[in-house]
C-alpha atoms as a PDB file:
ATOM      1  CA  MET A   1      98.069 -13.500  -8.488  1.00  0.00           C
ATOM      2  CA  ALA A   2      98.943 -16.238  -6.018  1.00  0.00           C
ATOM      3  CA  ASP A   3      97.922 -14.445  -2.810  1.00  0.00           C
ATOM      4  CA  PHE A   4      94.309 -14.609  -1.673  1.00  0.00           C
ATOM      5  CA  GLY A   5      92.071 -14.194   1.332  1.00  0.00           C
ATOM      6  CA  VAL A   6      89.350 -11.891   2.600  1.00  0.00           C
ATOM      7  CA  ASN A   7      88.272 -10.999   6.118  1.00  0.00           C
ATOM      8  CA  SER A   8      87.313  -7.360   5.644  1.00  0.00           C
ATOM      9  CA  MET A   9      84.826  -5.333   3.609  1.00  0.00           C
ATOM     10  CA  VAL A  10      86.970  -2.203   3.598  1.00  0.00           C
ATOM     11  CA  GLY A  11      90.579  -3.369   3.214  1.00  0.00           C
ATOM     12  CA  ASP A  12      92.333  -2.531  -0.057  1.00  0.00           C
ATOM     13  CA  LEU A  13      90.640  -4.524  -2.830  1.00  0.00           C
ATOM     14  CA  ALA A  14      93.659  -6.086  -4.540  1.00  0.00           C
ATOM     15  CA  TRP A  15      92.121  -8.952  -6.541  1.00  0.00           C
ATOM     16  CA  VAL A  16      88.535  -9.442  -7.620  1.00  0.00           C
ATOM     17  CA  ALA A  17      86.540 -11.715  -9.965  1.00  0.00           C
ATOM     18  CA  VAL A  18      83.854 -10.501 -12.354  1.00  0.00           C
ATOM     19  CA  ARG A  19      81.828 -12.230 -15.038  1.00  0.00           C
ATOM     20  CA  PRO A  20      80.547 -10.513 -18.196  1.00  0.00           C
ATOM     21  CA  PRO A  21      76.909 -11.233 -19.083  1.00  0.00           C
ATOM     22  CA  SER A  22      75.593 -13.637 -21.666  1.00  0.00           C
ATOM     23  CA  ALA A  23      72.547 -12.633 -23.698  1.00  0.00           C
ATOM     24  CA  ARG A  24      71.258 -16.226 -23.766  1.00  0.00           C
ATOM     25  CA  GLY A  25      69.009 -17.109 -20.903  1.00  0.00           C
ATOM     26  CA  ASP A  26      65.539 -16.674 -19.446  1.00  0.00           C
ATOM     27  CA  PHE A  27      66.032 -13.313 -17.767  1.00  0.00           C
ATOM     28  CA  SER A  28      62.338 -12.997 -16.977  1.00  0.00           C
ATOM     29  CA  ALA A  29      62.355 -16.284 -15.042  1.00  0.00           C
ATOM     30  CA  ALA A  30      65.383 -14.984 -13.150  1.00  0.00           C
ATOM     31  CA  HIS A  31      63.268 -12.034 -12.037  1.00  0.00           C
ATOM     32  CA  TRP A  32      64.997  -9.360 -14.098  1.00  0.00           C
ATOM     33  CA  SER A  33      62.918  -6.318 -14.978  1.00  0.00           C
ATOM     34  CA  MET A  34      62.131  -6.564 -18.658  1.00  0.00           C
ATOM     35  CA  PRO A  35      62.992  -5.644 -21.339  1.00  0.00           C
ATOM     36  CA  VAL A  36      66.779  -5.846 -21.080  1.00  0.00           C
ATOM     37  CA  ASP A  37      68.972  -4.140 -23.664  1.00  0.00           C
ATOM     38  CA  PHE A  38      71.709  -6.779 -23.912  1.00  0.00           C
ATOM     39  CA  ASP A  39      74.168  -4.642 -25.863  1.00  0.00           C
ATOM     40  CA  ARG A  40      73.883  -1.917 -23.249  1.00  0.00           C
ATOM     41  CA  LEU A  41      74.118  -4.486 -20.439  1.00  0.00           C
ATOM     42  CA  ALA A  42      77.386  -5.794 -21.870  1.00  0.00           C
ATOM     43  CA  ALA A  43      78.748  -2.273 -22.381  1.00  0.00           C
ATOM     44  CA  GLN A  44      77.873  -1.233 -18.839  1.00  0.00           C
ATOM     45  CA  HIS A  45      79.511  -4.311 -17.367  1.00  0.00           C
ATOM     46  CA  SER A  46      82.633  -3.734 -19.468  1.00  0.00           C
ATOM     47  CA  ALA A  47      82.824  -0.117 -18.312  1.00  0.00           C
ATOM     48  CA  PHE A  48      82.403  -1.233 -14.691  1.00  0.00           C
ATOM     49  CA  THR A  49      85.283  -3.702 -15.106  1.00  0.00           C
ATOM     50  CA  GLU A  50      87.471  -1.006 -16.644  1.00  0.00           C
ATOM     51  CA  LEU A  51      86.670   1.273 -13.692  1.00  0.00           C
ATOM     52  CA  LEU A  52      87.898  -1.385 -11.250  1.00  0.00           C
ATOM     53  CA  MET A  53      91.134  -1.690 -13.200  1.00  0.00           C
ATOM     54  CA  ARG A  54      91.639   2.083 -13.269  1.00  0.00           C
ATOM     55  CA  LEU A  55      91.198   2.125  -9.504  1.00  0.00           C
ATOM     56  CA  GLY A  56      94.077  -0.314  -9.118  1.00  0.00           C
ATOM     57  CA  CYS A  57      92.317  -3.671  -8.766  1.00  0.00           C
ATOM     58  CA  GLU A  58      93.680  -6.826 -10.375  1.00  0.00           C
ATOM     59  CA  VAL A  59      90.590  -8.214 -12.117  1.00  0.00           C
ATOM     60  CA  LEU A  60      89.998 -11.869 -12.936  1.00  0.00           C
ATOM     61  CA  VAL A  61      87.545 -11.737 -15.827  1.00  0.00           C
ATOM     62  CA  LEU A  62      85.676 -15.033 -16.007  1.00  0.00           C
ATOM     63  CA  ASP A  63      83.966 -16.399 -19.108  1.00  0.00           C
ATOM     64  CA  PRO A  64      80.306 -15.522 -19.730  1.00  0.00           C
ATOM     65  CA  VAL A  65      77.967 -18.483 -19.237  1.00  0.00           C
ATOM     66  CA  ASP A  66      74.750 -19.137 -21.129  1.00  0.00           C
ATOM     67  CA  ASP A  67      71.443 -19.835 -19.395  1.00  0.00           C
ATOM     68  CA  MET A  68      72.584 -18.333 -16.082  1.00  0.00           C
ATOM     69  CA  PRO A  69      71.330 -14.722 -16.209  1.00  0.00           C
ATOM     70  CA  ASP A  70      72.369 -13.978 -12.620  1.00  0.00           C
ATOM     71  CA  ALA A  71      75.912 -15.311 -13.058  1.00  0.00           C
ATOM     72  CA  ILE A  72      77.230 -11.764 -13.495  1.00  0.00           C
ATOM     73  CA  PHE A  73      76.552 -11.320  -9.765  1.00  0.00           C
ATOM     74  CA  THR A  74      79.671 -13.145  -8.623  1.00  0.00           C
ATOM     75  CA  TYR A  75      79.390 -12.165  -4.951  1.00  0.00           C
ATOM     76  CA  ASP A  76      76.643 -14.713  -4.243  1.00  0.00           C
ATOM     77  CA  PRO A  77      77.693 -18.255  -5.308  1.00  0.00           C
ATOM     78  CA  VAL A  78      80.801 -18.551  -3.108  1.00  0.00           C
ATOM     79  CA  PHE A  79      82.380 -16.811  -0.135  1.00  0.00           C
ATOM     80  CA  VAL A  80      86.119 -16.240   0.142  1.00  0.00           C
ATOM     81  CA  VAL A  81      87.696 -16.389   3.605  1.00  0.00           C
ATOM     82  CA  PRO A  82      91.369 -16.226   4.665  1.00  0.00           C
ATOM     83  CA  ALA A  83      91.832 -19.983   4.103  1.00  0.00           C
ATOM     84  CA  GLY A  84      90.172 -20.130   0.669  1.00  0.00           C
ATOM     85  CA  VAL A  85      86.748 -20.474  -0.890  1.00  0.00           C
ATOM     86  CA  ILE A  86      83.508 -21.783   0.579  1.00  0.00           C
ATOM     87  CA  GLU A  87      81.131 -23.106  -2.067  1.00  0.00           C
ATOM     88  CA  LEU A  88      77.613 -22.021  -1.191  1.00  0.00           C
ATOM     89  CA  ARG A  89      74.271 -23.508  -2.216  1.00  0.00           C
ATOM     90  CA  GLY A  90      71.678 -21.100  -3.595  1.00  0.00           C
ATOM     91  CA  ALA A  91      67.988 -21.232  -2.772  1.00  0.00           C
ATOM     92  CA  LYS A  92      67.043 -19.548  -6.065  1.00  0.00           C
ATOM     93  CA  GLN A  93      66.551 -22.448  -8.453  1.00  0.00           C
ATOM     94  CA  VAL A  94      67.770 -20.610 -11.554  1.00  0.00           C
ATOM     95  CA  ARG A  95      71.096 -20.017  -9.784  1.00  0.00           C
ATOM     96  CA  SER A  96      71.708 -23.601  -8.678  1.00  0.00           C
ATOM     97  CA  GLY A  97      74.467 -24.178 -11.238  1.00  0.00           C
ATOM     98  CA  GLU A  98      76.507 -21.133 -10.251  1.00  0.00           C
ATOM     99  CA  PRO A  99      78.194 -22.238  -6.985  1.00  0.00           C
ATOM    100  CA  PRO A 100      79.978 -25.339  -8.367  1.00  0.00           C
ATOM    101  CA  LEU A 101      80.981 -23.432 -11.506  1.00  0.00           C
ATOM    102  CA  LEU A 102      82.484 -20.440  -9.715  1.00  0.00           C
ATOM    103  CA  SER A 103      84.071 -22.647  -7.052  1.00  0.00           C
ATOM    104  CA  MET A 104      85.831 -24.676  -9.744  1.00  0.00           C
ATOM    105  CA  GLU A 105      87.005 -21.544 -11.581  1.00  0.00           C
ATOM    106  CA  LEU A 106      88.484 -20.048  -8.415  1.00  0.00           C
ATOM    107  CA  GLN A 107      90.228 -23.287  -7.532  1.00  0.00           C
ATOM    108  CA  ARG A 108      91.783 -23.249 -10.994  1.00  0.00           C
ATOM    109  CA  ALA A 109      92.955 -19.704 -10.221  1.00  0.00           C
ATOM    110  CA  GLY A 110      94.844 -21.033  -7.213  1.00  0.00           C
ATOM    111  CA  ILE A 111      92.391 -20.559  -4.341  1.00  0.00           C
ATOM    112  CA  PRO A 112      91.844 -23.763  -2.345  1.00  0.00           C
ATOM    113  CA  LEU A 113      88.418 -25.091  -1.435  1.00  0.00           C
ATOM    114  CA  VAL A 114      87.665 -24.828   2.290  1.00  0.00           C
ATOM    115  CA  GLY A 115      84.355 -26.672   2.009  1.00  0.00           C
ATOM    116  CA  ALA A 116      80.980 -26.827   0.277  1.00  0.00           C
ATOM    117  CA  LEU A 117      77.522 -26.485   1.779  1.00  0.00           C
ATOM    118  CA  ARG A 118      75.370 -29.614   1.814  1.00  0.00           C
ATOM    119  CA  ALA A 119      71.574 -29.903   1.605  1.00  0.00           C
ATOM    120  CA  PRO A 120      69.383 -28.735   3.208  1.00  0.00           C
ATOM    121  CA  ALA A 121      71.642 -25.698   3.700  1.00  0.00           C
ATOM    122  CA  THR A 122      71.068 -22.740   1.379  1.00  0.00           C
ATOM    123  CA  ALA A 123      73.015 -19.496   1.376  1.00  0.00           C
ATOM    124  CA  ASP A 124      73.914 -16.531  -0.815  1.00  0.00           C
ATOM    125  CA  GLY A 125      77.048 -14.473  -0.353  1.00  0.00           C
ATOM    126  CA  GLY A 126      74.860 -11.375  -0.286  1.00  0.00           C
ATOM    127  CA  ASP A 127      73.747 -12.413   3.194  1.00  0.00           C
ATOM    128  CA  MET A 128      77.338 -12.338   4.485  1.00  0.00           C
ATOM    129  CA  PHE A 129      79.781  -9.585   5.307  1.00  0.00           C
ATOM    130  CA  TRP A 130      82.657  -9.012   7.694  1.00  0.00           C
ATOM    131  CA  LEU A 131      81.717  -6.934  10.742  1.00  0.00           C
ATOM    132  CA  ASP A 132      85.393  -6.964  11.646  1.00  0.00           C
ATOM    133  CA  ARG A 133      88.355  -9.194  10.838  1.00  0.00           C
ATOM    134  CA  THR A 134      87.279 -11.932  13.228  1.00  0.00           C
ATOM    135  CA  THR A 135      83.487 -11.590  13.013  1.00  0.00           C
ATOM    136  CA  LEU A 136      81.315 -12.692  10.100  1.00  0.00           C
ATOM    137  CA  ALA A 137      77.769 -11.347   9.939  1.00  0.00           C
ATOM    138  CA  VAL A 138      75.244 -13.711   8.337  1.00  0.00           C
ATOM    139  CA  GLY A 139      71.661 -12.765   7.557  1.00  0.00           C
ATOM    140  CA  ARG A 140      68.980 -15.404   7.946  1.00  0.00           C
ATOM    141  CA  SER A 141      66.599 -14.796   5.082  1.00  0.00           C
ATOM    142  CA  TYR A 142      64.613 -16.512   2.358  1.00  0.00           C
ATOM    143  CA  ARG A 143      68.010 -17.197   0.708  1.00  0.00           C
ATOM    144  CA  THR A 144      70.103 -18.228   3.743  1.00  0.00           C
ATOM    145  CA  ASN A 145      68.894 -20.677   6.396  1.00  0.00           C
ATOM    146  CA  GLN A 146      70.084 -21.785   9.833  1.00  0.00           C
ATOM    147  CA  GLU A 147      71.580 -25.019   8.492  1.00  0.00           C
ATOM    148  CA  ALA A 148      73.875 -22.923   6.294  1.00  0.00           C
ATOM    149  CA  VAL A 149      74.863 -20.769   9.259  1.00  0.00           C
ATOM    150  CA  ASP A 150      75.792 -23.891  11.227  1.00  0.00           C
ATOM    151  CA  GLN A 151      77.828 -25.401   8.389  1.00  0.00           C
ATOM    152  CA  ILE A 152      79.660 -22.153   7.673  1.00  0.00           C
ATOM    153  CA  ALA A 153      80.496 -21.663  11.351  1.00  0.00           C
ATOM    154  CA  ALA A 154      81.963 -25.181  11.458  1.00  0.00           C
ATOM    155  CA  LEU A 155      84.300 -24.289   8.576  1.00  0.00           C
ATOM    156  CA  LEU A 156      85.627 -21.104  10.152  1.00  0.00           C
ATOM    157  CA  ALA A 157      88.182 -21.730  12.860  1.00  0.00           C
ATOM    158  CA  GLY A 158      88.785 -18.672  15.000  1.00  0.00           C
ATOM    159  CA  ILE A 159      85.921 -16.719  13.436  1.00  0.00           C
ATOM    160  CA  THR A 160      82.802 -15.650  15.329  1.00  0.00           C
ATOM    161  CA  VAL A 161      79.555 -15.861  13.348  1.00  0.00           C
ATOM    162  CA  GLU A 162      76.783 -13.453  14.292  1.00  0.00           C
ATOM    163  CA  THR A 163      73.323 -13.903  12.756  1.00  0.00           C
ATOM    164  CA  PHE A 164      70.771 -11.233  11.928  1.00  0.00           C
ATOM    165  CA  ASP A 165      67.212 -11.996  10.840  1.00  0.00           C
ATOM    166  CA  LEU A 166      65.838 -10.172   7.813  1.00  0.00           C
ATOM    167  CA  PRO A 167      62.197  -9.103   7.400  1.00  0.00           C
ATOM    168  CA  HIS A 168      59.731 -10.551   4.918  1.00  0.00           C
ATOM    169  CA  ASP A 169      59.659  -7.288   2.909  1.00  0.00           C
ATOM    170  CA  GLN A 170      58.309  -8.217  -0.567  1.00  0.00           C
ATOM    171  CA  GLY A 171      58.543 -11.974  -0.067  1.00  0.00           C
ATOM    172  CA  PRO A 172      60.663 -14.894  -1.256  1.00  0.00           C
ATOM    173  CA  GLU A 173      60.494 -14.038  -4.970  1.00  0.00           C
ATOM    174  CA  PHE A 174      62.333 -10.766  -4.385  1.00  0.00           C
ATOM    175  CA  CYS A 175      65.956 -10.392  -3.353  1.00  0.00           C
ATOM    176  CA  LEU A 176      66.501  -9.020   0.129  1.00  0.00           C
ATOM    177  CA  HIS A 177      69.978  -9.850   1.343  1.00  0.00           C
ATOM    178  CA  LEU A 178      71.677  -8.595   4.477  1.00  0.00           C
ATOM    179  CA  MET A 179      73.891  -6.513   2.205  1.00  0.00           C
ATOM    180  CA  SER A 180      70.793  -4.948   0.668  1.00  0.00           C
ATOM    181  CA  VAL A 181      70.621  -2.876   3.849  1.00  0.00           C
ATOM    182  CA  VAL A 182      74.267  -2.286   4.838  1.00  0.00           C
ATOM    183  CA  SER A 183      77.563  -1.458   3.122  1.00  0.00           C
ATOM    184  CA  PRO A 184      80.723  -0.777   5.149  1.00  0.00           C
ATOM    185  CA  VAL A 185      82.699   2.138   3.716  1.00  0.00           C
ATOM    186  CA  ARG A 186      85.672   2.365   6.077  1.00  0.00           C
ATOM    187  CA  GLY A 187      86.483   1.081   9.540  1.00  0.00           C
ATOM    188  CA  ASP A 188      84.376   3.738  11.234  1.00  0.00           C
ATOM    189  CA  LEU A 189      81.606   4.298   8.667  1.00  0.00           C
ATOM    190  CA  ALA A 190      78.846   2.253   7.025  1.00  0.00           C
ATOM    191  CA  VAL A 191      75.857   3.055   4.846  1.00  0.00           C
ATOM    192  CA  VAL A 192      72.561   1.547   5.998  1.00  0.00           C
ATOM    193  CA  TYR A 193      68.938   1.462   4.913  1.00  0.00           C
ATOM    194  CA  GLU A 194      67.427   1.794   8.341  1.00  0.00           C
ATOM    195  CA  ARG A 195      63.820   0.948   7.498  1.00  0.00           C
ATOM    196  CA  LEU A 196      64.687  -2.705   6.746  1.00  0.00           C
ATOM    197  CA  ALA A 197      67.889  -3.092   8.762  1.00  0.00           C
ATOM    198  CA  PRO A 198      67.724  -5.538  11.686  1.00  0.00           C
ATOM    199  CA  VAL A 199      67.920  -3.623  14.964  1.00  0.00           C
ATOM    200  CA  PRO A 200      70.636  -5.970  16.356  1.00  0.00           C
ATOM    201  CA  LEU A 201      72.740  -5.167  13.274  1.00  0.00           C
ATOM    202  CA  LEU A 202      72.507  -1.430  13.938  1.00  0.00           C
ATOM    203  CA  GLN A 203      73.433  -2.128  17.553  1.00  0.00           C
ATOM    204  CA  ALA A 204      76.412  -4.271  16.492  1.00  0.00           C
ATOM    205  CA  LEU A 205      77.720  -1.458  14.287  1.00  0.00           C
ATOM    206  CA  HIS A 206      77.271   1.073  17.078  1.00  0.00           C
ATOM    207  CA  ALA A 207      79.043  -1.192  19.577  1.00  0.00           C
ATOM    208  CA  ARG A 208      82.091  -1.215  17.266  1.00  0.00           C
ATOM    209  CA  GLY A 209      82.120   2.574  17.011  1.00  0.00           C
ATOM    210  CA  ILE A 210      80.925   2.507  13.390  1.00  0.00           C
ATOM    211  CA  GLU A 211      78.970   5.599  12.392  1.00  0.00           C
ATOM    212  CA  THR A 212      76.035   4.973  10.052  1.00  0.00           C
ATOM    213  CA  VAL A 213      74.857   7.048   7.105  1.00  0.00           C
ATOM    214  CA  SER A 214      71.189   6.482   6.323  1.00  0.00           C
ATOM    215  CA  VAL A 215      70.346   5.942   2.649  1.00  0.00           C
ATOM    216  CA  PRO A 216      67.548   8.292   1.568  1.00  0.00           C
ATOM    217  CA  GLU A 217      64.318   6.581   0.598  1.00  0.00           C
ATOM    218  CA  GLU A 218      64.564   7.744  -3.016  1.00  0.00           C
ATOM    219  CA  ASP A 219      67.917   5.997  -3.493  1.00  0.00           C
ATOM    220  CA  TYR A 220      67.044   2.579  -2.095  1.00  0.00           C
ATOM    221  CA  ALA A 221      65.313   1.206  -5.226  1.00  0.00           C
ATOM    222  CA  SER A 222      68.271   2.279  -7.388  1.00  0.00           C
ATOM    223  CA  LEU A 223      70.614   0.301  -5.091  1.00  0.00           C
ATOM    224  CA  GLY A 224      72.026   3.282  -3.232  1.00  0.00           C
ATOM    225  CA  CYS A 225      72.751   1.032  -0.257  1.00  0.00           C
ATOM    226  CA  ASN A 226      74.821  -1.346  -2.384  1.00  0.00           C
ATOM    227  CA  ILE A 227      78.295   0.164  -2.308  1.00  0.00           C
ATOM    228  CA  LEU A 228      81.652  -1.413  -3.162  1.00  0.00           C
ATOM    229  CA  THR A 229      84.596  -0.190  -1.113  1.00  0.00           C
ATOM    230  CA  ILE A 230      87.844  -0.135  -3.080  1.00  0.00           C
ATOM    231  CA  ARG A 231      89.926   1.025  -0.112  1.00  0.00           C
ATOM    232  CA  PRO A 232      88.945   2.757   3.123  1.00  0.00           C
ATOM    233  CA  GLY A 233      86.980   5.883   2.218  1.00  0.00           C
ATOM    234  CA  GLU A 234      86.935   5.252  -1.546  1.00  0.00           C
ATOM    235  CA  VAL A 235      83.886   3.568  -3.063  1.00  0.00           C
ATOM    236  CA  VAL A 236      81.990   2.676  -6.224  1.00  0.00           C
ATOM    237  CA  LEU A 237      78.274   3.451  -6.480  1.00  0.00           C
ATOM    238  CA  ALA A 238      75.705   3.069  -9.261  1.00  0.00           C
ATOM    239  CA  GLU A 239      74.792   6.299 -11.050  1.00  0.00           C
ATOM    240  CA  GLY A 240      71.519   7.926 -10.056  1.00  0.00           C
ATOM    241  CA  ASN A 241      72.086   7.823  -6.294  1.00  0.00           C
ATOM    242  CA  ASP A 242      73.014  11.484  -6.006  1.00  0.00           C
ATOM    243  CA  ALA A 243      71.679  12.003  -2.483  1.00  0.00           C
ATOM    244  CA  THR A 244      73.680   9.063  -1.137  1.00  0.00           C
ATOM    245  CA  ALA A 245      76.789  10.175  -3.011  1.00  0.00           C
ATOM    246  CA  GLU A 246      76.490  13.656  -1.496  1.00  0.00           C
ATOM    247  CA  LEU A 247      76.105  12.246   2.017  1.00  0.00           C
ATOM    248  CA  LEU A 248      79.216  10.111   1.515  1.00  0.00           C
ATOM    249  CA  ARG A 249      81.259  13.029   0.159  1.00  0.00           C
ATOM    250  CA  ASN A 250      80.189  15.089   3.157  1.00  0.00           C
ATOM    251  CA  HIS A 251      81.812  12.343   5.274  1.00  0.00           C
ATOM    252  CA  GLY A 252      85.074  12.618   3.354  1.00  0.00           C
ATOM    253  CA  VAL A 253      84.448   9.630   1.078  1.00  0.00           C
ATOM    254  CA  THR A 254      85.649   9.571  -2.548  1.00  0.00           C
ATOM    255  CA  VAL A 255      82.797   8.303  -4.743  1.00  0.00           C
ATOM    256  CA  HIS A 256      83.137   6.804  -8.230  1.00  0.00           C
ATOM    257  CA  THR A 257      80.019   5.991 -10.259  1.00  0.00           C
ATOM    258  CA  TYR A 258      79.160   3.797 -13.230  1.00  0.00           C
ATOM    259  CA  GLN A 259      76.156   3.572 -15.571  1.00  0.00           C
ATOM    260  CA  ALA A 260      73.825   0.861 -14.308  1.00  0.00           C
ATOM    261  CA  SER A 261      70.435   1.228 -15.998  1.00  0.00           C
ATOM    262  CA  GLU A 262      70.483  -2.339 -17.382  1.00  0.00           C
ATOM    263  CA  ILE A 263      72.544  -3.995 -14.645  1.00  0.00           C
ATOM    264  CA  ASN A 264      70.139  -2.727 -11.984  1.00  0.00           C
ATOM    265  CA  LYS A 265      67.306  -4.625 -13.693  1.00  0.00           C
ATOM    266  CA  GLY A 266      68.800  -7.771 -12.153  1.00  0.00           C
ATOM    267  CA  GLU A 267      68.610  -6.236  -8.651  1.00  0.00           C
ATOM    268  CA  GLY A 268      72.393  -6.220  -8.265  1.00  0.00           C
ATOM    269  CA  GLY A 269      74.757  -3.366  -7.439  1.00  0.00           C
ATOM    270  CA  PRO A 270      78.560  -3.046  -7.483  1.00  0.00           C
ATOM    271  CA  THR A 271      79.078  -5.362  -4.520  1.00  0.00           C
ATOM    272  CA  CYS A 272      76.959  -8.044  -6.207  1.00  0.00           C
ATOM    273  CA  LEU A 273      78.999  -7.733  -9.416  1.00  0.00           C
ATOM    274  CA  THR A 274      82.256  -8.596  -7.666  1.00  0.00           C
ATOM    275  CA  ARG A 275      83.746 -11.545  -5.808  1.00  0.00           C
ATOM    276  CA  PRO A 276      86.657 -10.153  -3.769  1.00  0.00           C
ATOM    277  CA  LEU A 277      89.544 -12.637  -3.780  1.00  0.00           C
ATOM    278  CA  LEU A 278      92.103 -10.608  -1.863  1.00  0.00           C
ATOM    279  CA  ARG A 279      91.693  -7.633   0.456  1.00  0.00           C
ATOM    280  CA  ARG A 280      94.727  -6.291   2.262  1.00  0.00           C
END
């Protein structure tokens, strides 16, 4: 597919990159919950990929990579904008090799490089999402710093960057991204985990007329707030988040689920598993 570009979280997901897992790597050092059943992990990822294809997405399946346990979470190492790909620079040491690798692979797939973050900037894609088509929300966190915000803003002509500070929560060893607490579902609806959501973020959603659905406490740990929108009002959610799924269906949302017992051990949901390359 030659076309590319993303400036929405809820536009039709036409083209997306995923990466199957490799069983070789220090998953414990990468902060996965152990033990990991690698055969089941691979089967769950394969089933997730097949689900995306059944839902009409063109899927670019990248090669597994050894010694990068988190590489299956393709949302984080780069960020795709209308002009191409921005290569990020992760703060998590075990992920340091992922941004240049994924950036190179996407360039080979025909997506031009817009720019690459330089030290001391650090950023993960999980701290970034589109509030609207001309506004990028960036969370300042243990993974994403102000230097990264400044460099990203300089690369984005005509795009407003709004920053939102994340709380300490469980500290720098744990993963708390901005998208850990918010997932847009359609233009007028988003799922949020209010207890950790920045107040200015909730206010920004309200100012845009976006209704929020609050994730129940029991679903947060099983990544109930991490939702992938396929098209407006149609989403993918990890199994086991029944309360969240019911709330979404009560709002007219079509919900598809996938088995995630092993994938969730890496603290990554369906958004994390995907790098959108084209949303229409």
